[in-house]
Amino acid sequence: MSALFCLVLYWLSPALAEIIQYCHDDPVFCFSVTLQQNETSGHDVYLTITATPSDLGGWTSIGFGTGMKDALMFIIYADQDQESLVTSIRTADGHVMPTLFQGHTHDIEVLHADASESKYYAQFVCHSCDVWSPAKIDANGNTSFIYAGTSKQAFHGADLNSKLTVHEYSGVVIGDLSSAWKLHKDDRIPEIKPNEIIGFNEPSKPSQDESVFSRVRVHGFIMTVAFMGLFFAGSLAIRLPLLRAFKYHWVIQLSASFLALGSAAYMILRSTHFGTHKIIGIIVVSSLVVQAAAGYKHHIDFVKIRRRGLFSLVHRWLGRSIFVLGTLNVGLGMYYRGWSTMGMLGWFVIWSAELVSYAYVQLQHRRRTMKEQRGQPVALRDSDSEVFDIGDDLEDEDDIEGIPLMETDKHGAK
């Protein structure tokens, strides 16, 4: 009989708790949630947030959702004097700066807000929240909550739409709202029980194999290989005194372009928002098509008129711009993915070394061109045997694009 009683008590323990709460140690903040049936429809969600401010103040955000997109966020921060607490209700259409929530604002009330040098304290109620909330709220089961914040931002006013700096910490927790029901109206606002976690769990993390081969990691790997590997090698190949320099150049560049375009297209089709990294990426991969077309047009015109023209200039300088902007965007992607300082330093060292190497090879190419113009013997390179050479300057008209000078009668007068 006692065993049966204990089993029934175990089953009823979530209902007896009538509150769920999550507390974070570093930085220190807590939030608790209760739930009550609305008199008309849906359920009213009560939320209490406490946070320990830094010397600058900082901000703390708690929201319903699995990520920033379509989350309903409750953000608290104080002015510079920490005399008044700002309660800002926001949402976002992706991993971007959240904006003030415009819909159903009459259904959200700030019940209490207080700020001091040692504590921020706020209480909210969201009426019929599970009916209209942009994020899914399951009143009878598990609901995802997000949190984020920073201790490094100071606010110089009490504007509800103050710009927030990038958060230095963030996370997702799962709360069982079936354990947060309050039956009595007089006891519906949750209080904080310091340093306790009640009814919340960390979401399961993907296995190491899944995280290594996630689409974001694969995309980053492909773009790094394409821009900091293949495009760099292809740019050098056309300037080196190799027998088949042109063939190496166009095969490598075409392969890199297909990789970059394919990976970028896949990520763009799956994107729900577009930040700086993605906008730069779209510009770069779109320019690859123009770059290839300009290179082909340069080749056709050069065979006919035996000199470089406008398309030669476009092909050359657009290629250099694509390489620089593409490799910089690789670094920007690493930054947004949270690479360590040593990782970013490693990227910068490799990027700098590639720029220096390209400049050195370019200088050597100029010297070889000058020797050719003076009639000095130089090592045979691909432009002496195949049709195509990006060229160095529009003024170097004597550098025929791989068409032997003795064959000019086939294309025009000697």
Foldseek 3Di string as FASTA:
>chain_A
DVVVVVVVCVVCVLQVLQKFKDFDVVQTKMKMWAWEADPPHAIKIKMKIKGFADLQWKKKKKWFAPDQALIFIWMWTAARQFFWIATATWGDNHPDFTFGDDPPPVQKDWPDWGTDNTMTITMMMGHNCCPDRSHHDDQQFKTKMKMFMDNPHHHHDRDSGDTHDDTPDMAMKIATNNSNYDDDPVPGHDDDDPPDGGRIDHDDDDDPVCVCPPLLNVLLVLLCCLQLNLLLVLLLLLLDQAQASVVSNVVSNVVSLVSLVVSLVVVVVVDRDDDPLNVLSVVLSVLSVVLVVLQVVQLVVCLQPVAGDDSLVCNVVSSVVSSLSSLVSSLVSCVVVPDDPVVSVVSVVSSVVSVVVSVVSLVVSVVVLVCVVVVHDDRHGNQLADRAHSDDDRVSSVSGRNDDPVPCVVNDDD
